[in-house]
Amino acid sequence: MSEQGATRSREQHAEETRAAILREAKRLFMELGYRTVSTRMVAEATGVTQPALYHHFSGKEDLYVAVLMGELDEMGKRLAAIAGQDEPVLVRLERAAAYLVGRTHHNLALMQHDIRTELSDAKAAAVGARFFAMVVGPISRIIDAGVAVGIIAPPEDIGLAPAQMGLYFLHQVAFVTRPPARTEHARTFERQINANGRSREDLIVALFMRGVGSGQPAS
């Protein structure tokens, strides 16, 4: 093999190893949360040594941030496509909710808690900026369209900017997609969702519209 070919082979192997580490890290972080997962757990799950993992990532925080950035980029592409569709506002909101329900491998509230409490200020700010750009941004654009056609109250009427309304929508997603019920109250809530025959995305949009709807009939 030529020196150039050997270099390409090493680079390809390095890329494959990095991708494998990210896949296992994503699975563990999304199942267990930041605090429970160690770099040793990720290395063992990937089948590499810890020094090999540290060749690609400086530590657990760096690895977690890489996982989050990748997730946010993928989410942003899909949500931007939904926001750009030529469909009624409520349909786009339901599609966004359905995507988020299906995409949320772990509780959004837990992810947001980990970002606030486990990351350094600089890393949290970088992830937060990406979250607003890739997730809140597309949802806010759908909300802007709802304001334009009169089915969502203007921001000045309720004192919330479109981005804040986008966060409010995501709170509904986090509420409905929380982890499996562990208390009787939570189990009762789960049974009520199942009994009324409503999909989770329908419930999310209904909760959202009751909070920010203009009172005008949907068009």
C-alpha atoms as a PDB file:
ATOM      1  CA  MET A   1       0.000   0.000   0.000  1.00  0.00           C
ATOM      2  CA  SER A   2       1.306   3.460  -0.862  1.00  0.00           C
ATOM      3  CA  GLU A   3       1.952   6.034   1.840  1.00  0.00           C
ATOM      4  CA  GLN A   4      -1.010   8.069   0.573  1.00  0.00           C
ATOM      5  CA  GLY A   5      -3.244   4.993   0.681  1.00  0.00           C
ATOM      6  CA  ALA A   6      -2.070   4.155   4.187  1.00  0.00           C
ATOM      7  CA  THR A   7      -2.855   7.705   5.314  1.00  0.00           C
ATOM      8  CA  ARG A   8      -6.374   7.481   3.869  1.00  0.00           C
ATOM      9  CA  SER A   9      -6.861   4.114   5.550  1.00  0.00           C
ATOM     10  CA  ARG A  10      -5.805   5.540   8.929  1.00  0.00           C
ATOM     11  CA  GLU A  11      -8.076   8.548   8.468  1.00  0.00           C
ATOM     12  CA  GLN A  12     -11.011   6.330   7.517  1.00  0.00           C
ATOM     13  CA  HIS A  13     -10.388   4.100  10.529  1.00  0.00           C
ATOM     14  CA  ALA A  14     -10.225   7.164  12.787  1.00  0.00           C
ATOM     15  CA  GLU A  15     -13.517   8.494  11.367  1.00  0.00           C
ATOM     16  CA  GLU A  16     -15.210   5.121  11.835  1.00  0.00           C
ATOM     17  CA  THR A  17     -13.941   4.859  15.404  1.00  0.00           C
ATOM     18  CA  ARG A  18     -15.145   8.363  16.218  1.00  0.00           C
ATOM     19  CA  ALA A  19     -18.573   7.613  14.732  1.00  0.00           C
ATOM     20  CA  ALA A  20     -18.804   4.371  16.734  1.00  0.00           C
ATOM     21  CA  ILE A  21     -17.901   6.188  19.952  1.00  0.00           C
ATOM     22  CA  LEU A  22     -20.577   8.805  19.259  1.00  0.00           C
ATOM     23  CA  ARG A  23     -23.218   6.133  18.566  1.00  0.00           C
ATOM     24  CA  GLU A  24     -22.570   4.330  21.838  1.00  0.00           C
ATOM     25  CA  ALA A  25     -22.242   7.571  23.780  1.00  0.00           C
ATOM     26  CA  LYS A  26     -25.567   8.778  22.388  1.00  0.00           C
ATOM     27  CA  ARG A  27     -27.289   5.535  23.364  1.00  0.00           C
ATOM     28  CA  LEU A  28     -25.914   5.623  26.912  1.00  0.00           C
ATOM     29  CA  PHE A  29     -26.436   9.335  27.519  1.00  0.00           C
ATOM     30  CA  MET A  30     -29.998   9.220  26.191  1.00  0.00           C
ATOM     31  CA  GLU A  31     -30.860   6.164  28.291  1.00  0.00           C
ATOM     32  CA  LEU A  32     -29.069   7.052  31.519  1.00  0.00           C
ATOM     33  CA  GLY A  33     -28.394  10.796  31.560  1.00  0.00           C
ATOM     34  CA  TYR A  34     -25.095  12.633  31.776  1.00  0.00           C
ATOM     35  CA  ARG A  35     -24.169  12.008  35.384  1.00  0.00           C
ATOM     36  CA  THR A  36     -24.531   8.219  35.295  1.00  0.00           C
ATOM     37  CA  VAL A  37     -22.410   7.637  32.183  1.00  0.00           C
ATOM     38  CA  SER A  38     -18.608   7.468  32.360  1.00  0.00           C
ATOM     39  CA  THR A  39     -16.049   7.500  29.570  1.00  0.00           C
ATOM     40  CA  ARG A  40     -15.063   3.981  30.668  1.00  0.00           C
ATOM     41  CA  MET A  41     -18.644   2.801  30.025  1.00  0.00           C
ATOM     42  CA  VAL A  42     -18.602   4.371  26.561  1.00  0.00           C
ATOM     43  CA  ALA A  43     -15.178   2.913  25.727  1.00  0.00           C
ATOM     44  CA  GLU A  44     -16.216  -0.569  26.816  1.00  0.00           C
ATOM     45  CA  ALA A  45     -19.489  -0.375  24.889  1.00  0.00           C
ATOM     46  CA  THR A  46     -17.589   0.722  21.771  1.00  0.00           C
ATOM     47  CA  GLY A  47     -14.838  -1.863  22.155  1.00  0.00           C
ATOM     48  CA  VAL A  48     -11.986   0.639  22.399  1.00  0.00           C
ATOM     49  CA  THR A  49      -9.610   1.616  25.177  1.00  0.00           C
ATOM     50  CA  GLN A  50     -10.057   4.812  27.168  1.00  0.00           C
ATOM     51  CA  PRO A  51      -6.850   6.275  25.667  1.00  0.00           C
ATOM     52  CA  ALA A  52      -8.332   5.645  22.215  1.00  0.00           C
ATOM     53  CA  LEU A  53     -11.507   7.479  23.245  1.00  0.00           C
ATOM     54  CA  TYR A  54      -9.465  10.385  24.616  1.00  0.00           C
ATOM     55  CA  HIS A  55      -7.665  10.592  21.272  1.00  0.00           C
ATOM     56  CA  HIS A  56     -10.988  11.743  19.784  1.00  0.00           C
ATOM     57  CA  PHE A  57     -12.609  13.545  22.746  1.00  0.00           C
ATOM     58  CA  SER A  58     -10.903  15.399  25.576  1.00  0.00           C
ATOM     59  CA  GLY A  59     -13.330  14.097  28.215  1.00  0.00           C
ATOM     60  CA  LYS A  60     -16.925  13.301  29.075  1.00  0.00           C
ATOM     61  CA  GLU A  61     -18.148  16.867  28.675  1.00  0.00           C
ATOM     62  CA  ASP A  62     -16.583  17.166  25.219  1.00  0.00           C
ATOM     63  CA  LEU A  63     -18.144  13.836  24.214  1.00  0.00           C
ATOM     64  CA  TYR A  64     -21.583  14.808  25.547  1.00  0.00           C
ATOM     65  CA  VAL A  65     -21.479  18.136  23.734  1.00  0.00           C
ATOM     66  CA  ALA A  66     -20.566  16.362  20.472  1.00  0.00           C
ATOM     67  CA  VAL A  67     -23.544  14.026  20.931  1.00  0.00           C
ATOM     68  CA  LEU A  68     -25.884  16.940  21.629  1.00  0.00           C
ATOM     69  CA  MET A  69     -24.636  18.996  18.682  1.00  0.00           C
ATOM     70  CA  GLY A  70     -25.136  16.056  16.336  1.00  0.00           C
ATOM     71  CA  GLU A  71     -28.639  15.464  17.657  1.00  0.00           C
ATOM     72  CA  LEU A  72     -29.568  19.128  17.357  1.00  0.00           C
ATOM     73  CA  ASP A  73     -28.263  19.353  13.790  1.00  0.00           C
ATOM     74  CA  GLU A  74     -30.338  16.329  12.721  1.00  0.00           C
ATOM     75  CA  MET A  75     -33.418  17.673  14.489  1.00  0.00           C
ATOM     76  CA  GLY A  76     -32.929  21.087  12.945  1.00  0.00           C
ATOM     77  CA  LYS A  77     -32.852  19.744   9.392  1.00  0.00           C
ATOM     78  CA  ARG A  78     -36.115  17.861   9.854  1.00  0.00           C
ATOM     79  CA  LEU A  79     -37.903  20.658  11.710  1.00  0.00           C
ATOM     80  CA  ALA A  80     -36.814  23.213   9.095  1.00  0.00           C
ATOM     81  CA  ALA A  81     -38.298  20.974   6.388  1.00  0.00           C
ATOM     82  CA  ILE A  82     -41.578  20.749   8.324  1.00  0.00           C
ATOM     83  CA  ALA A  83     -41.667  24.511   8.910  1.00  0.00           C
ATOM     84  CA  GLY A  84     -41.111  25.152   5.199  1.00  0.00           C
ATOM     85  CA  GLN A  85     -43.984  22.985   3.999  1.00  0.00           C
ATOM     86  CA  ASP A  86     -46.959  24.608   2.312  1.00  0.00           C
ATOM     87  CA  GLU A  87     -49.500  23.258   4.793  1.00  0.00           C
ATOM     88  CA  PRO A  88     -51.854  24.802   7.376  1.00  0.00           C
ATOM     89  CA  VAL A  89     -50.178  25.986  10.552  1.00  0.00           C
ATOM     90  CA  LEU A  90     -51.842  23.426  12.812  1.00  0.00           C
ATOM     91  CA  VAL A  91     -50.822  20.608  10.485  1.00  0.00           C
ATOM     92  CA  ARG A  92     -47.211  21.776  10.619  1.00  0.00           C
ATOM     93  CA  LEU A  93     -47.351  22.046  14.413  1.00  0.00           C
ATOM     94  CA  GLU A  94     -48.747  18.512  14.624  1.00  0.00           C
ATOM     95  CA  ARG A  95     -46.029  17.235  12.283  1.00  0.00           C
ATOM     96  CA  ALA A  96     -43.377  18.944  14.407  1.00  0.00           C
ATOM     97  CA  ALA A  97     -44.885  17.468  17.569  1.00  0.00           C
ATOM     98  CA  ALA A  98     -45.080  13.979  16.017  1.00  0.00           C
ATOM     99  CA  TYR A  99     -41.450  14.201  14.938  1.00  0.00           C
ATOM    100  CA  LEU A 100     -40.316  15.359  18.375  1.00  0.00           C
ATOM    101  CA  VAL A 101     -42.333  12.637  20.115  1.00  0.00           C
ATOM    102  CA  GLY A 102     -40.776   9.996  17.880  1.00  0.00           C
ATOM    103  CA  ARG A 103     -37.317  11.528  18.061  1.00  0.00           C
ATOM    104  CA  THR A 104     -37.118  12.103  21.788  1.00  0.00           C
ATOM    105  CA  HIS A 105     -34.989   9.179  22.921  1.00  0.00           C
ATOM    106  CA  HIS A 106     -34.860  10.630  26.360  1.00  0.00           C
ATOM    107  CA  ASN A 107     -36.854  13.213  28.191  1.00  0.00           C
ATOM    108  CA  LEU A 108     -36.347  16.773  26.899  1.00  0.00           C
ATOM    109  CA  ALA A 109     -36.573  18.148  30.423  1.00  0.00           C
ATOM    110  CA  LEU A 110     -33.721  15.847  31.522  1.00  0.00           C
ATOM    111  CA  MET A 111     -31.606  16.983  28.580  1.00  0.00           C
ATOM    112  CA  GLN A 112     -32.242  20.632  29.413  1.00  0.00           C
ATOM    113  CA  HIS A 113     -31.463  19.941  33.089  1.00  0.00           C
ATOM    114  CA  ASP A 114     -28.162  18.293  32.153  1.00  0.00           C
ATOM    115  CA  ILE A 115     -27.218  21.225  29.937  1.00  0.00           C
ATOM    116  CA  ARG A 116     -27.933  23.711  32.739  1.00  0.00           C
ATOM    117  CA  THR A 117     -26.338  21.807  35.615  1.00  0.00           C
ATOM    118  CA  GLU A 118     -23.625  19.556  34.199  1.00  0.00           C
ATOM    119  CA  LEU A 119     -21.889  21.626  31.527  1.00  0.00           C
ATOM    120  CA  SER A 120     -19.476  24.513  31.916  1.00  0.00           C
ATOM    121  CA  ASP A 121     -20.927  27.942  31.196  1.00  0.00           C
ATOM    122  CA  ALA A 122     -19.130  28.163  27.833  1.00  0.00           C
ATOM    123  CA  LYS A 123     -20.271  24.708  26.683  1.00  0.00           C
ATOM    124  CA  ALA A 124     -23.829  25.291  27.920  1.00  0.00           C
ATOM    125  CA  ALA A 125     -23.958  28.597  26.025  1.00  0.00           C
ATOM    126  CA  ALA A 126     -22.744  26.929  22.813  1.00  0.00           C
ATOM    127  CA  VAL A 127     -25.286  24.099  23.075  1.00  0.00           C
ATOM    128  CA  GLY A 128     -28.024  26.568  24.015  1.00  0.00           C
ATOM    129  CA  ALA A 129     -27.290  28.700  20.951  1.00  0.00           C
ATOM    130  CA  ARG A 130     -27.459  25.618  18.703  1.00  0.00           C
ATOM    131  CA  PHE A 131     -30.700  24.515  20.381  1.00  0.00           C
ATOM    132  CA  PHE A 132     -32.332  27.870  19.695  1.00  0.00           C
ATOM    133  CA  ALA A 133     -31.115  27.923  16.099  1.00  0.00           C
ATOM    134  CA  MET A 134     -31.979  24.342  15.173  1.00  0.00           C
ATOM    135  CA  VAL A 135     -35.050  23.529  17.276  1.00  0.00           C
ATOM    136  CA  VAL A 136     -36.689  26.693  18.594  1.00  0.00           C
ATOM    137  CA  GLY A 137     -36.068  28.574  15.338  1.00  0.00           C
ATOM    138  CA  PRO A 138     -38.146  26.365  13.002  1.00  0.00           C
ATOM    139  CA  ILE A 139     -40.985  26.100  15.506  1.00  0.00           C
ATOM    140  CA  SER A 140     -40.967  29.869  15.938  1.00  0.00           C
ATOM    141  CA  ARG A 141     -41.325  30.256  12.169  1.00  0.00           C
ATOM    142  CA  ILE A 142     -44.452  28.088  12.233  1.00  0.00           C
ATOM    143  CA  ILE A 143     -45.761  30.206  15.108  1.00  0.00           C
ATOM    144  CA  ASP A 144     -45.060  33.382  13.105  1.00  0.00           C
ATOM    145  CA  ALA A 145     -47.198  31.908  10.318  1.00  0.00           C
ATOM    146  CA  GLY A 146     -49.957  31.226  12.854  1.00  0.00           C
ATOM    147  CA  VAL A 147     -49.836  34.827  14.028  1.00  0.00           C
ATOM    148  CA  ALA A 148     -50.001  36.017  10.412  1.00  0.00           C
ATOM    149  CA  VAL A 149     -53.233  34.088   9.728  1.00  0.00           C
ATOM    150  CA  GLY A 150     -54.768  35.034  13.066  1.00  0.00           C
ATOM    151  CA  ILE A 151     -54.977  31.668  14.852  1.00  0.00           C
ATOM    152  CA  ILE A 152     -52.177  32.474  17.309  1.00  0.00           C
ATOM    153  CA  ALA A 153     -52.341  35.643  19.349  1.00  0.00           C
ATOM    154  CA  PRO A 154     -49.842  38.375  18.423  1.00  0.00           C
ATOM    155  CA  PRO A 155     -46.770  38.427  20.694  1.00  0.00           C
ATOM    156  CA  GLU A 156     -47.667  41.852  22.063  1.00  0.00           C
ATOM    157  CA  ASP A 157     -51.072  40.566  23.199  1.00  0.00           C
ATOM    158  CA  ILE A 158     -49.650  37.859  25.456  1.00  0.00           C
ATOM    159  CA  GLY A 159     -46.243  39.286  26.262  1.00  0.00           C
ATOM    160  CA  LEU A 160     -44.200  36.508  24.650  1.00  0.00           C
ATOM    161  CA  ALA A 161     -41.877  36.737  21.660  1.00  0.00           C
ATOM    162  CA  PRO A 162     -42.204  34.010  18.994  1.00  0.00           C
ATOM    163  CA  ALA A 163     -39.039  32.317  20.319  1.00  0.00           C
ATOM    164  CA  GLN A 164     -40.568  32.228  23.806  1.00  0.00           C
ATOM    165  CA  MET A 165     -43.734  30.722  22.341  1.00  0.00           C
ATOM    166  CA  GLY A 166     -41.515  28.154  20.638  1.00  0.00           C
ATOM    167  CA  LEU A 167     -40.064  27.226  24.032  1.00  0.00           C
ATOM    168  CA  TYR A 168     -43.590  27.005  25.417  1.00  0.00           C
ATOM    169  CA  PHE A 169     -44.453  24.533  22.652  1.00  0.00           C
ATOM    170  CA  LEU A 170     -41.397  22.454  23.568  1.00  0.00           C
ATOM    171  CA  HIS A 171     -42.493  22.450  27.212  1.00  0.00           C
ATOM    172  CA  GLN A 172     -45.682  20.734  26.082  1.00  0.00           C
ATOM    173  CA  VAL A 173     -43.567  18.130  24.259  1.00  0.00           C
ATOM    174  CA  ALA A 174     -41.444  17.569  27.371  1.00  0.00           C
ATOM    175  CA  PHE A 175     -44.584  17.239  29.504  1.00  0.00           C
ATOM    176  CA  VAL A 176     -46.212  14.642  27.271  1.00  0.00           C
ATOM    177  CA  THR A 177     -43.034  12.652  26.521  1.00  0.00           C
ATOM    178  CA  ARG A 178     -41.736  12.384  30.064  1.00  0.00           C
ATOM    179  CA  PRO A 179     -40.223   9.070  31.216  1.00  0.00           C
ATOM    180  CA  PRO A 180     -42.375   5.989  32.003  1.00  0.00           C
ATOM    181  CA  ALA A 181     -44.783   6.502  34.866  1.00  0.00           C
ATOM    182  CA  ARG A 182     -43.326   5.771  38.313  1.00  0.00           C
ATOM    183  CA  THR A 183     -46.042   7.213  40.556  1.00  0.00           C
ATOM    184  CA  GLU A 184     -49.765   6.537  40.732  1.00  0.00           C
ATOM    185  CA  HIS A 185     -50.499  10.138  39.703  1.00  0.00           C
ATOM    186  CA  ALA A 186     -48.274   9.746  36.620  1.00  0.00           C
ATOM    187  CA  ARG A 187     -49.835   6.388  35.773  1.00  0.00           C
ATOM    188  CA  THR A 188     -53.304   7.956  36.023  1.00  0.00           C
ATOM    189  CA  PHE A 189     -52.200  10.684  33.604  1.00  0.00           C
ATOM    190  CA  GLU A 190     -50.870   8.019  31.220  1.00  0.00           C
ATOM    191  CA  ARG A 191     -54.145   6.069  31.357  1.00  0.00           C
ATOM    192  CA  GLN A 192     -56.151   9.218  30.648  1.00  0.00           C
ATOM    193  CA  ILE A 193     -54.061   9.958  27.539  1.00  0.00           C
ATOM    194  CA  ASN A 194     -54.613   6.431  26.288  1.00  0.00           C
ATOM    195  CA  ALA A 195     -58.324   6.364  27.175  1.00  0.00           C
ATOM    196  CA  ASN A 196     -59.325   9.503  25.299  1.00  0.00           C
ATOM    197  CA  GLY A 197     -57.900   8.170  22.039  1.00  0.00           C
ATOM    198  CA  ARG A 198     -55.885  11.305  21.292  1.00  0.00           C
ATOM    199  CA  SER A 199     -52.437  11.053  19.826  1.00  0.00           C
ATOM    200  CA  ARG A 200     -49.641  12.665  21.767  1.00  0.00           C
ATOM    201  CA  GLU A 201     -49.014  15.209  19.020  1.00  0.00           C
ATOM    202  CA  ASP A 202     -52.700  16.184  19.063  1.00  0.00           C
ATOM    203  CA  LEU A 203     -52.537  16.663  22.826  1.00  0.00           C
ATOM    204  CA  ILE A 204     -49.355  18.752  22.549  1.00  0.00           C
ATOM    205  CA  VAL A 205     -50.885  21.089  19.955  1.00  0.00           C
ATOM    206  CA  ALA A 206     -54.146  21.331  21.942  1.00  0.00           C
ATOM    207  CA  LEU A 207     -52.260  22.306  25.106  1.00  0.00           C
ATOM    208  CA  PHE A 208     -50.217  24.835  23.164  1.00  0.00           C
ATOM    209  CA  MET A 209     -53.164  26.434  21.369  1.00  0.00           C
ATOM    210  CA  ARG A 210     -55.158  26.790  24.554  1.00  0.00           C
ATOM    211  CA  GLY A 211     -52.315  28.845  25.911  1.00  0.00           C
ATOM    212  CA  VAL A 212     -51.533  31.054  22.902  1.00  0.00           C
ATOM    213  CA  GLY A 213     -54.538  30.700  20.587  1.00  0.00           C
ATOM    214  CA  SER A 214     -56.109  33.914  19.412  1.00  0.00           C
ATOM    215  CA  GLY A 215     -59.667  32.664  19.924  1.00  0.00           C
ATOM    216  CA  GLN A 216     -60.231  32.880  16.165  1.00  0.00           C
ATOM    217  CA  PRO A 217     -61.290  29.715  14.311  1.00  0.00           C
ATOM    218  CA  ALA A 218     -58.471  27.785  12.694  1.00  0.00           C
ATOM    219  CA  SER A 219     -58.198  28.264   8.931  1.00  0.00           C
END
